[in-house]
Each structure stands twice: as structure tokens, then as C-alpha cells.
N, C-alpha and C. Protein backbone atom coordinates (compact mmCIF):
# COMPACT_ATOMS: atom_id res chain seq x y z
N MET A 1 53.96 55.11 -89.39
CA MET A 1 53.86 55.71 -90.75
C MET A 1 53.73 57.33 -90.47
N ALA A 2 54.43 58.10 -91.22
CA ALA A 2 54.42 59.54 -90.97
C ALA A 2 52.98 60.08 -91.55
N CYS A 3 52.56 61.09 -90.79
CA CYS A 3 51.31 61.79 -91.17
C CYS A 3 51.62 63.28 -91.28
N TYR A 4 50.92 63.96 -92.07
CA TYR A 4 51.17 65.36 -92.42
C TYR A 4 49.94 66.21 -92.08
N VAL A 5 50.07 67.35 -91.59
CA VAL A 5 49.05 68.30 -91.59
C VAL A 5 49.46 69.43 -92.57
N TYR A 6 48.47 69.77 -93.36
CA TYR A 6 48.74 70.74 -94.40
C TYR A 6 47.73 71.93 -94.50
N VAL A 7 48.14 72.96 -95.08
CA VAL A 7 47.28 74.11 -95.34
C VAL A 7 47.43 74.45 -96.81
N LEU A 8 46.30 74.52 -97.46
CA LEU A 8 46.22 74.77 -98.91
C LEU A 8 45.73 76.08 -99.09
N GLY A 9 46.01 76.83 -100.17
CA GLY A 9 45.51 78.19 -100.43
C GLY A 9 44.98 78.20 -101.92
N SER A 10 43.89 78.98 -102.03
CA SER A 10 43.40 79.16 -103.36
C SER A 10 42.78 80.55 -103.49
N GLY A 11 43.16 81.24 -104.58
CA GLY A 11 42.55 82.57 -104.74
C GLY A 11 42.02 82.76 -106.16
N ASP A 12 40.92 83.46 -106.13
CA ASP A 12 40.34 83.81 -107.47
C ASP A 12 39.45 85.05 -107.22
N LYS A 13 38.69 85.37 -108.27
CA LYS A 13 37.80 86.57 -108.08
C LYS A 13 36.81 86.46 -106.90
N GLY A 14 36.62 85.32 -106.37
CA GLY A 14 35.78 85.15 -105.19
C GLY A 14 36.51 85.40 -103.80
N GLY A 15 37.84 85.68 -104.00
CA GLY A 15 38.65 85.86 -102.75
C GLY A 15 39.61 84.74 -102.57
N PHE A 16 40.32 84.85 -101.50
CA PHE A 16 41.27 83.88 -101.05
C PHE A 16 40.83 82.93 -99.95
N ARG A 17 40.99 81.63 -100.16
CA ARG A 17 40.57 80.64 -99.12
C ARG A 17 41.69 79.73 -98.74
N THR A 18 41.52 79.20 -97.57
CA THR A 18 42.47 78.12 -97.09
C THR A 18 41.64 76.95 -96.75
N TYR A 19 42.41 75.86 -96.76
CA TYR A 19 41.88 74.53 -96.40
C TYR A 19 42.91 73.80 -95.55
N VAL A 20 42.55 73.31 -94.37
CA VAL A 20 43.43 72.46 -93.51
C VAL A 20 42.97 71.05 -93.49
N GLY A 21 43.94 70.19 -93.70
CA GLY A 21 43.66 68.77 -93.65
C GLY A 21 44.90 67.88 -93.17
N TRP A 22 44.71 66.68 -93.09
CA TRP A 22 45.84 65.80 -92.65
C TRP A 22 45.80 64.60 -93.68
N THR A 23 47.01 63.96 -93.86
CA THR A 23 47.15 62.90 -94.72
C THR A 23 48.41 62.11 -94.45
N THR A 24 48.55 60.94 -95.10
CA THR A 24 49.69 60.17 -95.07
C THR A 24 50.59 60.36 -96.16
N GLY A 25 49.98 60.84 -97.35
CA GLY A 25 50.72 61.12 -98.55
C GLY A 25 50.37 62.49 -99.18
N LEU A 26 51.27 63.49 -98.83
CA LEU A 26 50.97 64.88 -99.16
C LEU A 26 50.84 65.12 -100.64
N GLU A 27 51.77 64.75 -101.46
CA GLU A 27 51.62 65.11 -102.89
C GLU A 27 50.31 64.44 -103.49
N ALA A 28 50.06 63.24 -103.16
CA ALA A 28 48.90 62.48 -103.73
C ALA A 28 47.61 63.27 -103.25
N ARG A 29 47.59 63.75 -101.87
CA ARG A 29 46.43 64.48 -101.49
C ARG A 29 46.17 65.70 -102.18
N LEU A 30 47.24 66.50 -102.38
CA LEU A 30 47.15 67.72 -103.12
C LEU A 30 46.59 67.44 -104.46
N GLU A 31 47.09 66.47 -105.18
CA GLU A 31 46.49 66.01 -106.42
C GLU A 31 45.05 65.72 -106.52
N GLN A 32 44.59 65.04 -105.42
CA GLN A 32 43.20 64.64 -105.30
C GLN A 32 42.36 65.99 -105.16
N HIS A 33 42.80 66.86 -104.34
CA HIS A 33 42.04 68.13 -104.16
C HIS A 33 41.90 68.92 -105.53
N ASN A 34 43.13 68.95 -106.24
CA ASN A 34 42.95 69.78 -107.53
C ASN A 34 42.18 68.91 -108.68
N SER A 35 42.08 67.68 -108.49
CA SER A 35 41.34 66.81 -109.46
C SER A 35 39.86 66.85 -109.20
N GLY A 36 39.49 67.36 -108.04
CA GLY A 36 38.00 67.31 -107.65
C GLY A 36 37.64 66.18 -106.87
N LYS A 37 38.56 65.38 -106.45
CA LYS A 37 38.25 64.18 -105.75
C LYS A 37 38.53 64.25 -104.23
N GLY A 38 38.93 65.54 -103.83
CA GLY A 38 39.24 65.76 -102.44
C GLY A 38 37.99 66.11 -101.63
N ALA A 39 38.08 66.86 -100.61
CA ALA A 39 36.91 67.23 -99.87
C ALA A 39 35.99 68.08 -100.61
N ARG A 40 34.79 67.99 -100.31
CA ARG A 40 33.66 68.75 -101.10
C ARG A 40 33.88 70.24 -101.20
N SER A 41 34.41 70.74 -100.10
CA SER A 41 34.64 72.23 -99.99
C SER A 41 35.88 72.68 -100.85
N THR A 42 36.63 71.69 -101.31
CA THR A 42 37.76 72.14 -102.22
C THR A 42 37.58 71.98 -103.65
N ARG A 43 36.43 71.44 -104.02
CA ARG A 43 36.17 71.20 -105.43
C ARG A 43 36.05 72.45 -106.23
N GLY A 44 36.50 72.42 -107.44
CA GLY A 44 36.26 73.47 -108.36
C GLY A 44 37.27 74.62 -108.20
N ARG A 45 38.22 74.37 -107.38
CA ARG A 45 39.28 75.45 -107.21
C ARG A 45 40.71 74.91 -107.42
N SER A 46 41.57 75.81 -107.72
CA SER A 46 42.91 75.27 -107.94
C SER A 46 43.80 75.61 -106.65
N TRP A 47 44.36 74.60 -105.97
CA TRP A 47 44.94 74.76 -104.70
C TRP A 47 46.47 74.62 -104.78
N GLN A 48 47.10 75.37 -103.85
CA GLN A 48 48.50 75.22 -103.70
C GLN A 48 48.96 74.97 -102.25
N LEU A 49 49.93 74.24 -102.09
CA LEU A 49 50.42 73.87 -100.74
C LEU A 49 51.04 75.14 -100.11
N LEU A 50 50.51 75.65 -99.09
CA LEU A 50 51.05 76.75 -98.34
C LEU A 50 52.09 76.37 -97.20
N TYR A 51 51.66 75.32 -96.59
CA TYR A 51 52.27 74.89 -95.28
C TYR A 51 52.13 73.51 -95.04
N ALA A 52 53.11 72.81 -94.38
CA ALA A 52 53.00 71.46 -93.94
C ALA A 52 53.81 71.17 -92.74
N GLU A 53 53.33 70.27 -91.93
CA GLU A 53 54.14 69.73 -90.79
C GLU A 53 54.05 68.18 -90.75
N ARG A 54 55.07 67.63 -90.35
CA ARG A 54 55.12 66.12 -90.29
C ARG A 54 54.95 65.59 -88.82
N PHE A 55 54.27 64.60 -88.68
CA PHE A 55 54.06 63.95 -87.32
C PHE A 55 54.35 62.47 -87.41
N LEU A 56 54.56 61.85 -86.22
CA LEU A 56 54.88 60.42 -86.19
C LEU A 56 53.67 59.58 -86.15
N ASN A 57 52.52 60.16 -85.81
CA ASN A 57 51.30 59.21 -85.72
C ASN A 57 50.08 60.15 -86.06
N ARG A 58 49.02 59.39 -86.34
CA ARG A 58 47.72 60.09 -86.78
C ARG A 58 47.10 60.98 -85.76
N GLY A 59 47.18 60.45 -84.49
CA GLY A 59 46.65 61.26 -83.33
C GLY A 59 47.28 62.66 -83.17
N GLU A 60 48.52 62.70 -83.25
CA GLU A 60 49.23 63.98 -83.24
C GLU A 60 48.85 64.90 -84.46
N ALA A 61 48.80 64.28 -85.57
CA ALA A 61 48.34 65.07 -86.73
C ALA A 61 47.01 65.47 -86.66
N MET A 62 46.08 64.75 -86.24
CA MET A 62 44.64 65.17 -86.15
C MET A 62 44.50 66.23 -85.02
N SER A 63 45.20 66.23 -84.06
CA SER A 63 45.16 67.24 -82.91
C SER A 63 45.69 68.51 -83.51
N ARG A 64 46.80 68.53 -84.30
CA ARG A 64 47.33 69.75 -84.79
C ARG A 64 46.41 70.36 -85.87
N GLU A 65 45.74 69.38 -86.62
CA GLU A 65 44.83 69.84 -87.57
C GLU A 65 43.67 70.67 -87.06
N TRP A 66 43.20 70.11 -85.84
CA TRP A 66 42.01 70.80 -85.15
C TRP A 66 42.45 72.18 -84.77
N ARG A 67 43.76 72.28 -84.24
CA ARG A 67 44.18 73.51 -83.79
C ARG A 67 44.39 74.51 -84.91
N LEU A 68 44.94 74.06 -86.07
CA LEU A 68 45.13 74.99 -87.24
C LEU A 68 43.84 75.50 -87.76
N LYS A 69 42.90 74.54 -87.80
CA LYS A 69 41.46 74.96 -88.35
C LYS A 69 40.90 76.12 -87.56
N ARG A 70 41.26 76.27 -86.21
CA ARG A 70 40.81 77.35 -85.46
C ARG A 70 41.63 78.57 -85.36
N ASP A 71 42.86 78.49 -85.91
CA ASP A 71 43.83 79.56 -85.84
C ASP A 71 43.70 80.36 -87.22
N ARG A 72 42.70 81.20 -87.28
CA ARG A 72 42.35 81.99 -88.55
C ARG A 72 43.48 82.89 -88.80
N GLU A 73 44.15 83.50 -87.69
CA GLU A 73 45.06 84.50 -87.86
C GLU A 73 46.31 83.95 -88.58
N PHE A 74 46.65 82.66 -88.30
CA PHE A 74 47.78 82.07 -88.84
C PHE A 74 47.56 81.78 -90.38
N ARG A 75 46.35 81.27 -90.65
CA ARG A 75 46.01 81.01 -91.94
C ARG A 75 45.90 82.38 -92.87
N LYS A 76 45.42 83.43 -92.28
CA LYS A 76 45.39 84.68 -92.91
C LYS A 76 46.77 85.19 -93.26
N ARG A 77 47.72 84.94 -92.27
CA ARG A 77 49.17 85.40 -92.57
C ARG A 77 49.70 84.55 -93.75
N LEU A 78 49.43 83.32 -93.78
CA LEU A 78 49.83 82.44 -94.86
C LEU A 78 49.39 82.88 -96.25
N GLY A 79 48.04 83.38 -96.14
CA GLY A 79 47.41 83.85 -97.36
C GLY A 79 48.04 85.17 -97.78
N LEU A 80 48.36 86.10 -96.89
CA LEU A 80 49.03 87.34 -97.21
C LEU A 80 50.38 87.08 -97.88
N ASN A 81 51.08 86.18 -97.42
CA ASN A 81 52.44 85.81 -97.89
C ASN A 81 52.42 85.19 -99.28
N TRP A 82 51.33 84.37 -99.44
CA TRP A 82 51.13 83.75 -100.82
C TRP A 82 50.73 84.71 -101.88
N GLN A 83 49.94 85.73 -101.53
CA GLN A 83 49.55 86.65 -102.56
C GLN A 83 50.53 87.67 -102.97
N ASP A 84 51.60 87.76 -102.22
CA ASP A 84 52.67 88.86 -102.58
C ASP A 84 53.41 88.52 -103.76
């Protein structure tokens, strides 16, 4: 089963934020985040998909998720491109 690592972006008067996660259903997961049923840290904000990668298994996706969560420079660049 294919797995996806994704980066979401949300901007409002409180500033721009990103969220990194992994899933097997990208569209459904984005819908969960936007409906308040996703991760606690994503509730109350409107999210847009900024970036996604596909992997063949869960282990690879989780490993990439871990690296992206620590790559603040990459997420910052995604946010700058999103706000343009």
C-alpha cells in the first residue's frame, strides 16, 4: 500500500505554520485536518497541501517524515513560496 509524507501550510494573523505528517490517503487526511479531526496541533486552522512524496511502505514514509520535521529551512522555503 502506498504511503505519503506531506507538508501542510496555514497562515493567519498569528503567522504562518507548517505541519508534517504521513498517511495512506492524502485527500482524506487533509479533510480530517481541516474538519478538526486531525492532529491536535492542526485544529482550528485552515490547511493547504504544500508538498507531498509517495513511498512504497510505511517505514520509508515514517523515516522521511522524521527528517522533514527537522528540516525547518525546507519548510520555511515552502511557506515563502505559498505566501507569494
